[in-house]
Amino acid sequence: MEVFKEAGLPDGVINMIIGDPEMITDTVLASPDF
């Protein structure tokens, strides 16, 4: 992430989320925009 930011990747293009895998996956897969 440090490299991507220094390389000029615009904010929000890659968002790094860490935590409970099942909760994250269930939340992501519930989105109509997935």
PDB file of all heavy atoms in Angstrom:
ATOM      1  N   MET A   1       0.829  -1.210   0.000  1.00  0.00           N
ATOM      2  CA  MET A   1       0.000   0.000   0.000  1.00  0.00           C
ATOM      3  C   MET A   1       0.860   1.255   0.000  1.00  0.00           C
ATOM      4  O   MET A   1       0.529   2.247  -0.672  1.00  0.00           O
ATOM      5  CB  MET A   1      -0.953  -0.006   1.196  1.00  0.00           C
ATOM      6  CG  MET A   1      -2.119  -0.959   1.062  1.00  0.00           C
ATOM      7  SD  MET A   1      -3.164  -0.711  -0.413  1.00  0.00           S
ATOM      8  CE  MET A   1      -3.801   0.946  -0.141  1.00  0.00           C
ATOM      9  N   GLU A   2       1.963   1.241   0.714  1.00  0.00           N
ATOM     10  CA  GLU A   2       2.880   2.386   0.695  1.00  0.00           C
ATOM     11  C   GLU A   2       3.374   2.648  -0.726  1.00  0.00           C
ATOM     12  O   GLU A   2       3.432   3.800  -1.179  1.00  0.00           O
ATOM     13  CB  GLU A   2       4.068   2.130   1.618  1.00  0.00           C
ATOM     14  CG  GLU A   2       3.741   2.125   3.101  1.00  0.00           C
ATOM     15  CD  GLU A   2       4.955   1.785   3.945  1.00  0.00           C
ATOM     16  OE1 GLU A   2       6.085   1.796   3.410  1.00  0.00           O
ATOM     17  OE2 GLU A   2       4.774   1.500   5.149  1.00  0.00           O
ATOM     18  N   VAL A   3       3.733   1.581  -1.421  1.00  0.00           N
ATOM     19  CA  VAL A   3       4.220   1.709  -2.801  1.00  0.00           C
ATOM     20  C   VAL A   3       3.133   2.255  -3.711  1.00  0.00           C
ATOM     21  O   VAL A   3       3.374   3.193  -4.508  1.00  0.00           O
ATOM     22  CB  VAL A   3       4.727   0.349  -3.316  1.00  0.00           C
ATOM     23  CG1 VAL A   3       4.986   0.398  -4.825  1.00  0.00           C
ATOM     24  CG2 VAL A   3       5.992  -0.065  -2.581  1.00  0.00           C
ATOM     25  N   PHE A   4       1.925   1.692  -3.636  1.00  0.00           N
ATOM     26  CA  PHE A   4       0.838   2.150  -4.502  1.00  0.00           C
ATOM     27  C   PHE A   4       0.543   3.635  -4.277  1.00  0.00           C
ATOM     28  O   PHE A   4       0.312   4.386  -5.230  1.00  0.00           O
ATOM     29  CB  PHE A   4      -0.423   1.316  -4.265  1.00  0.00           C
ATOM     30  CG  PHE A   4      -0.371  -0.069  -4.863  1.00  0.00           C
ATOM     31  CD1 PHE A   4      -1.288  -1.041  -4.456  1.00  0.00           C
ATOM     32  CD2 PHE A   4       0.560  -0.415  -5.823  1.00  0.00           C
ATOM     33  CE1 PHE A   4      -1.257  -2.321  -4.999  1.00  0.00           C
ATOM     34  CE2 PHE A   4       0.607  -1.689  -6.370  1.00  0.00           C
ATOM     35  CZ  PHE A   4      -0.308  -2.640  -5.954  1.00  0.00           C
ATOM     36  N   LYS A   5       0.560   4.048  -3.029  1.00  0.00           N
ATOM     37  CA  LYS A   5       0.274   5.450  -2.735  1.00  0.00           C
ATOM     38  C   LYS A   5       1.382   6.352  -3.290  1.00  0.00           C
ATOM     39  O   LYS A   5       1.105   7.389  -3.891  1.00  0.00           O
ATOM     40  CB  LYS A   5       0.103   5.655  -1.226  1.00  0.00           C
ATOM     41  CG  LYS A   5      -1.176   5.037  -0.668  1.00  0.00           C
ATOM     42  CD  LYS A   5      -1.308   5.212   0.833  1.00  0.00           C
ATOM     43  CE  LYS A   5      -1.772   6.613   1.202  1.00  0.00           C
ATOM     44  NZ  LYS A   5      -3.172   6.852   0.795  1.00  0.00           N
ATOM     45  N   GLU A   6       2.640   5.942  -3.107  1.00  0.00           N
ATOM     46  CA  GLU A   6       3.735   6.761  -3.631  1.00  0.00           C
ATOM     47  C   GLU A   6       3.745   6.768  -5.155  1.00  0.00           C
ATOM     48  O   GLU A   6       4.168   7.742  -5.779  1.00  0.00           O
ATOM     49  CB  GLU A   6       5.080   6.258  -3.092  1.00  0.00           C
ATOM     50  CG  GLU A   6       6.226   7.167  -3.486  1.00  0.00           C
ATOM     51  CD  GLU A   6       7.521   6.899  -2.742  1.00  0.00           C
ATOM     52  OE1 GLU A   6       7.462   6.386  -1.602  1.00  0.00           O
ATOM     53  OE2 GLU A   6       8.592   7.207  -3.296  1.00  0.00           O
ATOM     54  N   ALA A   7       3.266   5.691  -5.748  1.00  0.00           N
ATOM     55  CA  ALA A   7       3.216   5.622  -7.214  1.00  0.00           C
ATOM     56  C   ALA A   7       2.118   6.497  -7.798  1.00  0.00           C
ATOM     57  O   ALA A   7       2.042   6.661  -9.025  1.00  0.00           O
ATOM     58  CB  ALA A   7       3.011   4.177  -7.655  1.00  0.00           C
ATOM     59  N   GLY A   8       1.252   7.049  -6.942  1.00  0.00           N
ATOM     60  CA  GLY A   8       0.214   7.950  -7.420  1.00  0.00           C
ATOM     61  C   GLY A   8      -1.122   7.301  -7.674  1.00  0.00           C
ATOM     62  O   GLY A   8      -1.968   7.880  -8.373  1.00  0.00           O
ATOM     63  N   LEU A   9      -1.355   6.109  -7.120  1.00  0.00           N
ATOM     64  CA  LEU A   9      -2.668   5.484  -7.280  1.00  0.00           C
ATOM     65  C   LEU A   9      -3.711   6.354  -6.587  1.00  0.00           C
ATOM     66  O   LEU A   9      -3.585   6.646  -5.391  1.00  0.00           O
ATOM     67  CB  LEU A   9      -2.663   4.086  -6.665  1.00  0.00           C
ATOM     68  CG  LEU A   9      -3.959   3.274  -6.847  1.00  0.00           C
ATOM     69  CD1 LEU A   9      -4.138   2.874  -8.306  1.00  0.00           C
ATOM     70  CD2 LEU A   9      -3.949   2.037  -5.953  1.00  0.00           C
ATOM     71  N   PRO A  10      -4.726   6.801  -7.294  1.00  0.00           N
ATOM     72  CA  PRO A  10      -5.721   7.680  -6.666  1.00  0.00           C
ATOM     73  C   PRO A  10      -6.428   7.013  -5.488  1.00  0.00           C
ATOM     74  O   PRO A  10      -6.635   5.796  -5.467  1.00  0.00           O
ATOM     75  CB  PRO A  10      -6.707   7.960  -7.812  1.00  0.00           C
ATOM     76  CG  PRO A  10      -5.910   7.763  -9.062  1.00  0.00           C
ATOM     77  CD  PRO A  10      -4.969   6.641  -8.741  1.00  0.00           C
ATOM     78  N   ASP A  11      -6.790   7.820  -4.517  1.00  0.00           N
ATOM     79  CA  ASP A  11      -7.478   7.329  -3.331  1.00  0.00           C
ATOM     80  C   ASP A  11      -8.759   6.601  -3.727  1.00  0.00           C
ATOM     81  O   ASP A  11      -9.505   7.054  -4.590  1.00  0.00           O
ATOM     82  CB  ASP A  11      -7.827   8.491  -2.400  1.00  0.00           C
ATOM     83  CG  ASP A  11      -6.597   9.165  -1.819  1.00  0.00           C
ATOM     84  OD1 ASP A  11      -5.564   8.486  -1.660  1.00  0.00           O
ATOM     85  OD2 ASP A  11      -6.660  10.383  -1.542  1.00  0.00           O
ATOM     86  N   GLY A  12      -8.988   5.470  -3.083  1.00  0.00           N
ATOM     87  CA  GLY A  12     -10.234   4.735  -3.278  1.00  0.00           C
ATOM     88  C   GLY A  12     -10.201   3.695  -4.376  1.00  0.00           C
ATOM     89  O   GLY A  12     -11.130   2.883  -4.481  1.00  0.00           O
ATOM     90  N   VAL A  13      -9.145   3.683  -5.210  1.00  0.00           N
ATOM     91  CA  VAL A  13      -9.081   2.692  -6.285  1.00  0.00           C
ATOM     92  C   VAL A  13      -8.835   1.296  -5.711  1.00  0.00           C
ATOM     93  O   VAL A  13      -9.466   0.321  -6.103  1.00  0.00           O
ATOM     94  CB  VAL A  13      -8.001   3.066  -7.319  1.00  0.00           C
ATOM     95  CG1 VAL A  13      -7.820   1.943  -8.343  1.00  0.00           C
ATOM     96  CG2 VAL A  13      -8.378   4.362  -8.022  1.00  0.00           C
ATOM     97  N   ILE A  14      -7.900   1.196  -4.751  1.00  0.00           N
ATOM     98  CA  ILE A  14      -7.680  -0.053  -4.019  1.00  0.00           C
ATOM     99  C   ILE A  14      -7.811   0.269  -2.537  1.00  0.00           C
ATOM    100  O   ILE A  14      -7.059   1.089  -1.998  1.00  0.00           O
ATOM    101  CB  ILE A  14      -6.298  -0.658  -4.310  1.00  0.00           C
ATOM    102  CG1 ILE A  14      -6.208  -1.102  -5.781  1.00  0.00           C
ATOM    103  CG2 ILE A  14      -6.034  -1.852  -3.394  1.00  0.00           C
ATOM    104  CD1 ILE A  14      -4.841  -1.631  -6.186  1.00  0.00           C
ATOM    105  N   ASN A  15      -8.774  -0.353  -1.890  1.00  0.00           N
ATOM    106  CA  ASN A  15      -9.030  -0.137  -0.469  1.00  0.00           C
ATOM    107  C   ASN A  15      -8.673  -1.406   0.288  1.00  0.00           C
ATOM    108  O   ASN A  15      -9.154  -2.491  -0.066  1.00  0.00           O
ATOM    109  CB  ASN A  15     -10.501   0.212  -0.240  1.00  0.00           C
ATOM    110  CG  ASN A  15     -10.927   1.421  -1.046  1.00  0.00           C
ATOM    111  OD1 ASN A  15     -10.778   2.555  -0.617  1.00  0.00           O
ATOM    112  ND2 ASN A  15     -11.446   1.174  -2.252  1.00  0.00           N
ATOM    113  N   MET A  16      -7.819  -1.290   1.307  1.00  0.00           N
ATOM    114  CA  MET A  16      -7.362  -2.459   2.041  1.00  0.00           C
ATOM    115  C   MET A  16      -8.155  -2.614   3.343  1.00  0.00           C
ATOM    116  O   MET A  16      -8.136  -1.725   4.199  1.00  0.00           O
ATOM    117  CB  MET A  16      -5.872  -2.361   2.353  1.00  0.00           C
ATOM    118  CG  MET A  16      -5.293  -3.648   2.929  1.00  0.00           C
ATOM    119  SD  MET A  16      -3.495  -3.600   3.171  1.00  0.00           S
ATOM    120  CE  MET A  16      -3.394  -2.768   4.769  1.00  0.00           C
ATOM    121  N   ILE A  17      -8.846  -3.746   3.456  1.00  0.00           N
ATOM    122  CA  ILE A  17      -9.686  -4.039   4.615  1.00  0.00           C
ATOM    123  C   ILE A  17      -9.186  -5.324   5.282  1.00  0.00           C
ATOM    124  O   ILE A  17      -8.943  -6.329   4.615  1.00  0.00           O
ATOM    125  CB  ILE A  17     -11.158  -4.228   4.173  1.00  0.00           C
ATOM    126  CG1 ILE A  17     -11.723  -2.909   3.629  1.00  0.00           C
ATOM    127  CG2 ILE A  17     -12.007  -4.725   5.322  1.00  0.00           C
ATOM    128  CD1 ILE A  17     -11.873  -1.836   4.674  1.00  0.00           C
ATOM    129  N   ILE A  18      -9.042  -5.282   6.590  1.00  0.00           N
ATOM    130  CA  ILE A  18      -8.535  -6.412   7.355  1.00  0.00           C
ATOM    131  C   ILE A  18      -9.550  -6.725   8.447  1.00  0.00           C
ATOM    132  O   ILE A  18     -10.165  -5.818   9.004  1.00  0.00           O
ATOM    133  CB  ILE A  18      -7.190  -6.074   8.015  1.00  0.00           C
ATOM    134  CG1 ILE A  18      -6.270  -5.307   7.047  1.00  0.00           C
ATOM    135  CG2 ILE A  18      -6.493  -7.324   8.516  1.00  0.00           C
ATOM    136  CD1 ILE A  18      -5.371  -4.318   7.725  1.00  0.00           C
ATOM    137  N   GLY A  19      -9.710  -8.003   8.773  1.00  0.00           N
ATOM    138  CA  GLY A  19     -10.623  -8.348   9.857  1.00  0.00           C
ATOM    139  C   GLY A  19     -11.196  -9.732   9.680  1.00  0.00           C
ATOM    140  O   GLY A  19     -10.619 -10.577   8.975  1.00  0.00           O
ATOM    141  N   ASP A  20     -12.334  -9.964  10.290  1.00  0.00           N
ATOM    142  CA  ASP A  20     -12.976 -11.269  10.232  1.00  0.00           C
ATOM    143  C   ASP A  20     -13.316 -11.623   8.780  1.00  0.00           C
ATOM    144  O   ASP A  20     -14.122 -10.935   8.140  1.00  0.00           O
ATOM    145  CB  ASP A  20     -14.250 -11.258  11.077  1.00  0.00           C
ATOM    146  CG  ASP A  20     -14.992 -12.571  10.984  1.00  0.00           C
ATOM    147  OD1 ASP A  20     -14.457 -13.595  11.415  1.00  0.00           O
ATOM    148  OD2 ASP A  20     -16.116 -12.567  10.446  1.00  0.00           O
ATOM    149  N   PRO A  21     -12.729 -12.685   8.227  1.00  0.00           N
ATOM    150  CA  PRO A  21     -12.929 -12.982   6.807  1.00  0.00           C
ATOM    151  C   PRO A  21     -14.380 -13.236   6.435  1.00  0.00           C
ATOM    152  O   PRO A  21     -14.850 -12.781   5.382  1.00  0.00           O
ATOM    153  CB  PRO A  21     -12.077 -14.240   6.588  1.00  0.00           C
ATOM    154  CG  PRO A  21     -11.106 -14.257   7.710  1.00  0.00           C
ATOM    155  CD  PRO A  21     -11.800 -13.630   8.871  1.00  0.00           C
ATOM    156  N   GLU A  22     -15.107 -13.942   7.280  1.00  0.00           N
ATOM    157  CA  GLU A  22     -16.489 -14.274   6.946  1.00  0.00           C
ATOM    158  C   GLU A  22     -17.361 -13.026   6.946  1.00  0.00           C
ATOM    159  O   GLU A  22     -18.198 -12.833   6.058  1.00  0.00           O
ATOM    160  CB  GLU A  22     -17.040 -15.311   7.928  1.00  0.00           C
ATOM    161  CG  GLU A  22     -18.404 -15.850   7.512  1.00  0.00           C
ATOM    162  CD  GLU A  22     -18.825 -17.052   8.332  1.00  0.00           C
ATOM    163  OE1 GLU A  22     -18.082 -17.464   9.247  1.00  0.00           O
ATOM    164  OE2 GLU A  22     -19.923 -17.590   8.051  1.00  0.00           O
ATOM    165  N   MET A  23     -17.164 -12.148   7.928  1.00  0.00           N
ATOM    166  CA  MET A  23     -17.951 -10.912   7.981  1.00  0.00           C
ATOM    167  C   MET A  23     -17.654 -10.043   6.760  1.00  0.00           C
ATOM    168  O   MET A  23     -18.571  -9.509   6.118  1.00  0.00           O
ATOM    169  CB  MET A  23     -17.622 -10.146   9.263  1.00  0.00           C
ATOM    170  CG  MET A  23     -18.381  -8.824   9.411  1.00  0.00           C
ATOM    171  SD  MET A  23     -17.611  -7.396   8.560  1.00  0.00           S
ATOM    172  CE  MET A  23     -16.112  -7.197   9.537  1.00  0.00           C
ATOM    173  N   ILE A  24     -16.380  -9.902   6.426  1.00  0.00           N
ATOM    174  CA  ILE A  24     -16.003  -9.064   5.278  1.00  0.00           C
ATOM    175  C   ILE A  24     -16.601  -9.631   3.999  1.00  0.00           C
ATOM    176  O   ILE A  24     -17.208  -8.913   3.194  1.00  0.00           O
ATOM    177  CB  ILE A  24     -14.472  -8.951   5.176  1.00  0.00           C
ATOM    178  CG1 ILE A  24     -13.915  -8.188   6.376  1.00  0.00           C
ATOM    179  CG2 ILE A  24     -14.075  -8.247   3.879  1.00  0.00           C
ATOM    180  CD1 ILE A  24     -12.392  -8.162   6.452  1.00  0.00           C
ATOM    181  N   THR A  25     -16.447 -10.946   3.823  1.00  0.00           N
ATOM    182  CA  THR A  25     -16.948 -11.572   2.598  1.00  0.00           C
ATOM    183  C   THR A  25     -18.471 -11.472   2.497  1.00  0.00           C
ATOM    184  O   THR A  25     -19.013 -11.135   1.437  1.00  0.00           O
ATOM    185  CB  THR A  25     -16.498 -13.038   2.536  1.00  0.00           C
ATOM    186  OG1 THR A  25     -15.063 -13.081   2.444  1.00  0.00           O
ATOM    187  CG2 THR A  25     -17.097 -13.756   1.339  1.00  0.00           C
ATOM    188  N   ASP A  26     -19.170 -11.737   3.575  1.00  0.00           N
ATOM    189  CA  ASP A  26     -20.633 -11.655   3.552  1.00  0.00           C
ATOM    190  C   ASP A  26     -21.097 -10.233   3.226  1.00  0.00           C
ATOM    191  O   ASP A  26     -22.071 -10.044   2.481  1.00  0.00           O
ATOM    192  CB  ASP A  26     -21.207 -12.096   4.893  1.00  0.00           C
ATOM    193  CG  ASP A  26     -21.124 -13.601   5.104  1.00  0.00           C
ATOM    194  OD1 ASP A  26     -20.845 -14.318   4.114  1.00  0.00           O
ATOM    195  OD2 ASP A  26     -21.330 -14.056   6.243  1.00  0.00           O
ATOM    196  N   THR A  27     -20.416  -9.240   3.777  1.00  0.00           N
ATOM    197  CA  THR A  27     -20.788  -7.844   3.516  1.00  0.00           C
ATOM    198  C   THR A  27     -20.545  -7.490   2.059  1.00  0.00           C
ATOM    199  O   THR A  27     -21.383  -6.847   1.409  1.00  0.00           O
ATOM    200  CB  THR A  27     -19.993  -6.898   4.436  1.00  0.00           C
ATOM    201  OG1 THR A  27     -20.182  -7.287   5.799  1.00  0.00           O
ATOM    202  CG2 THR A  27     -20.447  -5.460   4.264  1.00  0.00           C
ATOM    203  N   VAL A  28     -19.396  -7.911   1.545  1.00  0.00           N
ATOM    204  CA  VAL A  28     -19.071  -7.630   0.144  1.00  0.00           C
ATOM    205  C   VAL A  28     -20.065  -8.299  -0.800  1.00  0.00           C
ATOM    206  O   VAL A  28     -20.598  -7.683  -1.732  1.00  0.00           O
ATOM    207  CB  VAL A  28     -17.633  -8.098  -0.172  1.00  0.00           C
ATOM    208  CG1 VAL A  28     -17.402  -8.164  -1.675  1.00  0.00           C
ATOM    209  CG2 VAL A  28     -16.608  -7.171   0.473  1.00  0.00           C
ATOM    210  N   LEU A  29     -20.337  -9.588  -0.554  1.00  0.00           N
ATOM    211  CA  LEU A  29     -21.195 -10.339  -1.479  1.00  0.00           C
ATOM    212  C   LEU A  29     -22.653  -9.935  -1.383  1.00  0.00           C
ATOM    213  O   LEU A  29     -23.450 -10.276  -2.264  1.00  0.00           O
ATOM    214  CB  LEU A  29     -21.050 -11.839  -1.223  1.00  0.00           C
ATOM    215  CG  LEU A  29     -19.650 -12.434  -1.416  1.00  0.00           C
ATOM    216  CD1 LEU A  29     -19.685 -13.945  -1.259  1.00  0.00           C
ATOM    217  CD2 LEU A  29     -19.071 -12.058  -2.772  1.00  0.00           C
ATOM    218  N   ALA A  30     -23.015  -9.195  -0.349  1.00  0.00           N
ATOM    219  CA  ALA A  30     -24.387  -8.697  -0.231  1.00  0.00           C
ATOM    220  C   ALA A  30     -24.615  -7.440  -1.061  1.00  0.00           C
ATOM    221  O   ALA A  30     -25.766  -7.029  -1.268  1.00  0.00           O
ATOM    222  CB  ALA A  30     -24.714  -8.406   1.235  1.00  0.00           C
ATOM    223  N   SER A  31     -23.544  -6.812  -1.549  1.00  0.00           N
ATOM    224  CA  SER A  31     -23.685  -5.565  -2.299  1.00  0.00           C
ATOM    225  C   SER A  31     -24.176  -5.821  -3.721  1.00  0.00           C
ATOM    226  O   SER A  31     -23.612  -6.659  -4.433  1.00  0.00           O
ATOM    227  CB  SER A  31     -22.347  -4.832  -2.359  1.00  0.00           C
ATOM    228  OG  SER A  31     -22.420  -3.739  -3.251  1.00  0.00           O
ATOM    229  N   PRO A  32     -25.175  -5.098  -4.181  1.00  0.00           N
ATOM    230  CA  PRO A  32     -25.635  -5.234  -5.568  1.00  0.00           C
ATOM    231  C   PRO A  32     -24.553  -4.866  -6.583  1.00  0.00           C
ATOM    232  O   PRO A  32     -24.621  -5.269  -7.743  1.00  0.00           O
ATOM    233  CB  PRO A  32     -26.816  -4.265  -5.660  1.00  0.00           C
ATOM    234  CG  PRO A  32     -27.232  -4.025  -4.255  1.00  0.00           C
ATOM    235  CD  PRO A  32     -26.000  -4.129  -3.426  1.00  0.00           C
ATOM    236  N   ASP A  33     -23.547  -4.092  -6.137  1.00  0.00           N
ATOM    237  CA  ASP A  33     -22.494  -3.623  -7.035  1.00  0.00           C
ATOM    238  C   ASP A  33     -21.303  -4.565  -7.097  1.00  0.00           C
ATOM    239  O   ASP A  33     -20.315  -4.259  -7.778  1.00  0.00           O
ATOM    240  CB  ASP A  33     -22.027  -2.230  -6.605  1.00  0.00           C
ATOM    241  CG  ASP A  33     -23.114  -1.177  -6.796  1.00  0.00           C
ATOM    242  OD1 ASP A  33     -23.455  -0.898  -7.954  1.00  0.00           O
ATOM    243  OD2 ASP A  33     -23.628  -0.664  -5.782  1.00  0.00           O
ATOM    244  N   PHE A  34     -21.371  -5.688  -6.394  1.00  0.00           N
ATOM    245  CA  PHE A  34     -20.302  -6.681  -6.483  1.00  0.00           C
ATOM    246  C   PHE A  34     -20.219  -7.193  -7.919  1.00  0.00           C
ATOM    247  O   PHE A  34     -21.196  -7.687  -8.474  1.00  0.00           O
ATOM    248  CB  PHE A  34     -20.585  -7.830  -5.517  1.00  0.00           C
ATOM    249  CG  PHE A  34     -19.692  -9.031  -5.717  1.00  0.00           C
ATOM    250  CD1 PHE A  34     -18.354  -8.971  -5.397  1.00  0.00           C
ATOM    251  CD2 PHE A  34     -20.215 -10.216  -6.217  1.00  0.00           C
ATOM    252  CE1 PHE A  34     -17.533 -10.076  -5.586  1.00  0.00           C
ATOM    253  CE2 PHE A  34     -19.410 -11.321  -6.400  1.00  0.00           C
ATOM    254  CZ  PHE A  34     -18.065 -11.260  -6.089  1.00  0.00           C
TER     255      PHE A  34
END
